[in-house]
């Protein structure tokens, strides 16, 4: 039995909290970076107990509403949609409150560096997510607008809204270390969660568990920009006990999504 098949046996249930539907990232890209509905169908068929969060992929100057309309139309036609948790991702300056009623979705994606605005300046999105009980997945990374500081600045004012800070709050190792230090100093973390997307350093994931607890870390891959199997193996390399592993791999996200 090879390594990847062995991992499938060990982890019968996985909920990937961070996946994009991308038919083609760039026609000029030297690597075929894509993950479309057919790829999703194949993965779900190969892992019959697994589920995932999926979202469209928007760019800085796109019509994000039109992309979401197309995305949710495809989702409704998807044969395994009962195992998929769709997230809406729309630029703040294009978002209308009515879309929260128009689409059936499980959460909202916010990417400060793509939308070029920090989360603390978007009360409408925060209030809508809290009102409709939709967790908000926030990209954290190198761009100054994507620093976790902006989340920690406002999360206590929205106690009924769950904030999922992607990439362990930083993406790059130095920024993750900085984010963990910021969280260690924070006064209110009840509604703060971190996903593991793009983090392949087991010691950092273990430290995040030490600081926040195993009930606050969510498995994510950031497919297709990062490799699913490598992401799974990174969690295995953390050598967590069974309860901690299961919390991260599926239990925490399902609890947030009320599933």
Protein backbone atom coordinates (compact mmCIF):
# COMPACT_ATOMS: atom_id res chain seq x y z
CA UNK A 1 0.00 0.00 0.00
CA UNK A 2 1.56 3.32 -1.03
CA UNK A 3 1.72 6.46 1.14
CA UNK A 4 -1.32 8.24 -0.29
CA UNK A 5 -3.58 5.19 -0.15
CA UNK A 6 -2.43 4.69 3.41
CA UNK A 7 -3.46 8.23 4.30
CA UNK A 8 -6.89 7.61 2.80
CA UNK A 9 -7.33 4.59 5.06
CA UNK A 10 -6.19 6.53 8.13
CA UNK A 11 -8.48 9.50 7.48
CA UNK A 12 -11.85 8.34 6.28
CA UNK A 13 -13.44 11.77 6.86
CA UNK A 14 -11.93 15.03 5.69
CA UNK A 15 -13.54 18.43 5.16
CA UNK A 16 -11.29 20.68 3.09
CA UNK A 17 -12.13 24.20 4.18
CA UNK A 18 -10.44 26.09 1.36
CA UNK A 19 -10.92 25.06 -2.29
CA UNK A 20 -11.40 27.14 -5.45
CA UNK A 21 -13.19 26.17 -8.62
CA UNK A 22 -10.90 27.28 -11.44
CA UNK A 23 -11.30 25.98 -14.99
CA UNK A 24 -8.02 27.51 -16.12
CA UNK A 25 -5.78 29.90 -14.21
CA UNK A 26 -3.93 31.32 -17.19
CA UNK A 27 -3.56 30.25 -20.79
CA UNK A 28 0.11 31.25 -20.65
CA UNK A 29 0.88 29.46 -17.40
CA UNK A 30 3.59 26.80 -17.71
CA UNK A 31 1.71 24.59 -15.22
CA UNK A 32 -1.94 23.65 -15.69
CA UNK A 33 -3.31 25.11 -12.47
CA UNK A 34 -6.97 24.19 -12.40
CA UNK A 35 -9.63 22.50 -10.31
CA UNK A 36 -12.97 22.42 -12.03
CA UNK A 37 -16.27 20.70 -11.24
CA UNK A 38 -15.10 17.50 -12.95
CA UNK A 39 -11.98 17.44 -10.77
CA UNK A 40 -14.14 17.98 -7.71
CA UNK A 41 -16.43 15.14 -8.74
CA UNK A 42 -13.45 12.82 -9.19
CA UNK A 43 -12.03 13.70 -5.77
CA UNK A 44 -15.34 13.23 -3.99
CA UNK A 45 -15.79 9.87 -5.74
CA UNK A 46 -12.32 8.77 -4.61
CA UNK A 47 -12.98 9.81 -1.00
CA UNK A 48 -16.66 8.99 -0.40
CA UNK A 49 -16.69 10.28 3.20
CA UNK A 50 -15.02 13.63 2.47
CA UNK A 51 -16.54 17.04 1.85
CA UNK A 52 -15.25 20.52 1.12
CA UNK A 53 -15.79 24.24 0.96
CA UNK A 54 -15.66 25.57 -2.59
CA UNK A 55 -15.72 29.08 -3.95
CA UNK A 56 -15.23 30.84 -7.27
CA UNK A 57 -11.90 32.53 -8.00
CA UNK A 58 -12.19 36.26 -8.63
CA UNK A 59 -9.58 38.76 -9.76
CA UNK A 60 -9.06 42.40 -8.90
CA UNK A 61 -10.93 43.95 -11.84
CA UNK A 62 -13.50 41.27 -12.64
CA UNK A 63 -17.30 41.32 -12.47
CA UNK A 64 -17.42 39.24 -9.30
CA UNK A 65 -21.22 39.16 -9.19
CA UNK A 66 -21.40 37.59 -12.66
CA UNK A 67 -18.76 35.03 -11.67
CA UNK A 68 -20.76 34.09 -8.59
CA UNK A 69 -23.97 33.77 -10.62
CA UNK A 70 -22.14 31.35 -12.93
CA UNK A 71 -20.60 29.53 -9.97
CA UNK A 72 -23.88 28.98 -8.12
CA UNK A 73 -25.65 27.90 -11.30
CA UNK A 74 -22.99 25.21 -11.75
CA UNK A 75 -23.23 24.28 -8.09
CA UNK A 76 -26.98 23.69 -8.34
CA UNK A 77 -26.38 21.32 -11.26
CA UNK A 78 -23.55 19.46 -9.51
CA UNK A 79 -24.48 15.86 -8.74
CA UNK A 80 -22.66 15.76 -5.39
CA UNK A 81 -23.68 19.16 -4.08
CA UNK A 82 -24.85 17.62 -0.80
CA UNK A 83 -21.16 17.16 0.05
CA UNK A 84 -20.12 20.67 -0.90
CA UNK A 85 -20.31 23.90 1.11
CA UNK A 86 -20.33 26.82 -1.35
CA UNK A 87 -18.89 30.16 -0.24
CA UNK A 88 -19.77 33.45 -1.88
CA UNK A 89 -16.84 35.66 -2.92
CA UNK A 90 -17.79 39.12 -4.18
CA UNK A 91 -15.87 42.38 -4.14
CA UNK A 92 -17.21 44.64 -1.36
CA UNK A 93 -17.91 47.49 -3.80
CA UNK A 94 -20.03 45.16 -5.96
CA UNK A 95 -21.98 43.47 -3.18
CA UNK A 96 -25.69 44.07 -2.73
CA UNK A 97 -27.42 42.89 0.43
CA UNK A 98 -30.06 41.13 -1.67
CA UNK A 99 -27.44 38.60 -2.83
CA UNK A 100 -27.41 37.11 0.68
CA UNK A 101 -30.99 36.03 -0.01
CA UNK A 102 -30.58 35.23 -3.70
CA UNK A 103 -27.83 32.62 -3.26
CA UNK A 104 -27.88 29.54 -1.04
CA UNK A 105 -24.43 29.50 0.47
CA UNK A 106 -22.52 28.47 3.59
CA UNK A 107 -20.02 31.28 4.10
CA UNK A 108 -18.33 34.35 2.64
CA UNK A 109 -14.78 34.79 1.30
CA UNK A 110 -12.97 38.11 1.76
CA UNK A 111 -9.58 38.77 0.13
CA UNK A 112 -8.20 42.18 1.19
CA UNK A 113 -5.29 42.32 -1.25
CA UNK A 114 -7.41 41.35 -4.28
CA UNK A 115 -10.27 43.68 -3.35
CA UNK A 116 -7.73 46.30 -2.18
CA UNK A 117 -9.53 47.14 1.05
CA UNK A 118 -9.14 46.02 4.65
CA UNK A 119 -11.86 44.04 6.40
CA UNK A 120 -12.35 46.59 9.18
CA UNK A 121 -13.65 49.11 6.62
CA UNK A 122 -16.45 46.82 5.44
CA UNK A 123 -19.18 47.04 8.03
CA UNK A 124 -21.86 46.04 5.51
CA UNK A 125 -20.24 42.67 4.85
CA UNK A 126 -19.56 42.04 8.53
CA UNK A 127 -23.10 42.93 9.54
CA UNK A 128 -24.62 40.79 6.78
CA UNK A 129 -22.46 37.80 7.67
CA UNK A 130 -23.37 38.14 11.34
CA UNK A 131 -27.06 38.63 10.57
CA UNK A 132 -27.26 35.55 8.32
CA UNK A 133 -24.86 33.49 10.46
CA UNK A 134 -22.32 33.03 7.68
CA UNK A 135 -18.67 32.58 8.71
CA UNK A 136 -16.23 34.84 6.90
CA UNK A 137 -13.04 33.33 5.48
CA UNK A 138 -10.40 36.07 5.29
CA UNK A 139 -7.19 35.81 3.31
CA UNK A 140 -4.12 36.64 5.38
CA UNK A 141 -0.76 37.16 3.71
CA UNK A 142 2.16 39.39 2.73
CA UNK A 143 0.19 42.38 1.46
CA UNK A 144 -0.21 44.93 4.24
CA UNK A 145 -3.98 45.01 3.77
CA UNK A 146 -4.08 41.26 4.43
CA UNK A 147 -2.50 41.36 7.88
CA UNK A 148 -4.41 39.66 10.68
CA UNK A 149 -4.20 42.91 12.68
CA UNK A 150 -7.32 44.20 10.91
CA UNK A 151 -9.31 41.15 11.99
CA UNK A 152 -8.14 41.36 15.59
CA UNK A 153 -9.07 45.04 15.54
CA UNK A 154 -12.78 44.39 15.03
CA UNK A 155 -13.68 40.76 15.82
CA UNK A 156 -14.83 41.50 19.38
CA UNK A 157 -17.46 43.90 17.99
CA UNK A 158 -19.06 41.00 16.10
CA UNK A 159 -19.26 38.28 18.77
CA UNK A 160 -21.78 36.20 16.81
CA UNK A 161 -19.67 36.15 13.63
CA UNK A 162 -16.98 33.50 13.16
CA UNK A 163 -13.78 34.72 11.49
CA UNK A 164 -11.68 32.07 9.72
CA UNK A 165 -8.24 33.55 9.12
CA UNK A 166 -6.70 31.71 6.19
CA UNK A 167 -3.12 30.47 5.93
CA UNK A 168 -2.63 30.32 9.71
CA UNK A 169 -3.07 34.08 9.74
CA UNK A 170 -0.04 34.87 7.59
CA UNK A 171 0.84 32.37 4.79
CA UNK A 172 4.60 33.07 4.96
CA UNK A 173 6.46 31.57 7.92
CA UNK A 174 7.54 34.92 9.38
CA UNK A 175 4.02 36.31 9.10
CA UNK A 176 2.51 33.21 10.71
CA UNK A 177 4.90 33.59 13.64
CA UNK A 178 3.90 37.25 13.88
CA UNK A 179 0.19 36.38 13.70
CA UNK A 180 0.50 33.78 16.45
CA UNK A 181 2.24 36.34 18.65
CA UNK A 182 -0.54 38.86 17.97
CA UNK A 183 -3.15 36.28 18.92
CA UNK A 184 -1.27 35.38 22.08
CA UNK A 185 -1.54 39.06 23.08
CA UNK A 186 -5.18 39.51 21.99
CA UNK A 187 -7.97 40.04 24.50
CA UNK A 188 -10.78 38.30 22.59
CA UNK A 189 -10.35 35.18 20.47
CA UNK A 190 -13.67 33.40 20.99
CA UNK A 191 -14.71 33.85 17.34
CA UNK A 192 -11.26 33.50 15.73
CA UNK A 193 -10.30 30.36 13.80
CA UNK A 194 -7.28 29.60 11.60
CA UNK A 195 -7.12 27.41 8.53
CA UNK A 196 -3.97 25.51 7.53
CA UNK A 197 -4.08 26.27 3.80
CA UNK A 198 -0.62 26.80 2.37
CA UNK A 199 1.20 25.97 5.61
CA UNK A 200 3.54 22.99 5.36
CA UNK A 201 5.49 23.51 8.57
CA UNK A 202 4.12 21.10 11.21
CA UNK A 203 5.73 22.98 14.10
CA UNK A 204 3.74 26.11 13.24
CA UNK A 205 0.47 24.18 13.16
CA UNK A 206 1.32 22.61 16.50
CA UNK A 207 2.07 26.05 17.96
CA UNK A 208 -1.27 27.33 16.67
CA UNK A 209 -2.98 24.47 18.51
CA UNK A 210 -1.01 25.32 21.66
CA UNK A 211 -2.17 28.94 21.54
CA UNK A 212 -5.76 28.62 20.33
CA UNK A 213 -6.65 25.01 21.13
CA UNK A 214 -7.44 22.14 18.79
CA UNK A 215 -11.04 23.34 18.41
CA UNK A 216 -9.90 26.47 16.55
CA UNK A 217 -7.79 25.06 13.70
CA UNK A 218 -9.38 24.07 10.38
CA UNK A 219 -7.86 21.93 7.66
CA UNK A 220 -7.63 23.69 4.30
CA UNK A 221 -5.61 23.24 1.13
CA UNK A 222 -6.12 26.31 -1.09
CA UNK A 223 -6.53 23.99 -4.07
CA UNK A 224 -5.45 24.25 -6.85
CA UNK A 225 -2.72 26.65 -5.73
CA UNK A 226 -1.40 24.13 -3.21
CA UNK A 227 -1.32 20.35 -3.26
CA UNK A 228 -4.07 18.45 -1.44
CA UNK A 229 -2.02 15.38 -0.60
CA UNK A 230 0.93 17.40 0.71
CA UNK A 231 -1.49 19.38 2.87
CA UNK A 232 -2.88 16.15 4.32
CA UNK A 233 0.57 14.74 4.94
CA UNK A 234 1.58 17.92 6.79
CA UNK A 235 -1.20 17.31 9.31
CA UNK A 236 -0.05 13.72 9.70
CA UNK A 237 3.49 14.96 10.41
CA UNK A 238 2.16 16.99 13.34
CA UNK A 239 1.69 13.71 15.27
CA UNK A 240 -1.49 14.88 16.93
CA UNK A 241 -3.63 12.62 19.05
CA UNK A 242 -6.79 11.24 17.41
CA UNK A 243 -9.15 13.83 18.88
CA UNK A 244 -6.99 16.78 17.86
CA UNK A 245 -6.54 15.38 14.35
CA UNK A 246 -10.27 14.87 13.89
CA UNK A 247 -11.04 18.33 15.24
CA UNK A 248 -8.77 19.84 12.61
CA UNK A 249 -9.68 17.58 9.70
CA UNK A 250 -13.45 17.92 9.91
CA UNK A 251 -15.11 18.49 13.27
CA UNK A 252 -14.32 22.18 13.76
CA UNK A 253 -15.53 23.34 10.37
CA UNK A 254 -18.70 21.27 10.52
CA UNK A 255 -19.46 22.85 13.88
CA UNK A 256 -19.00 26.36 12.47
CA UNK A 257 -21.22 25.52 9.52
CA UNK A 258 -23.83 24.01 11.86
CA UNK A 259 -23.62 20.65 10.05
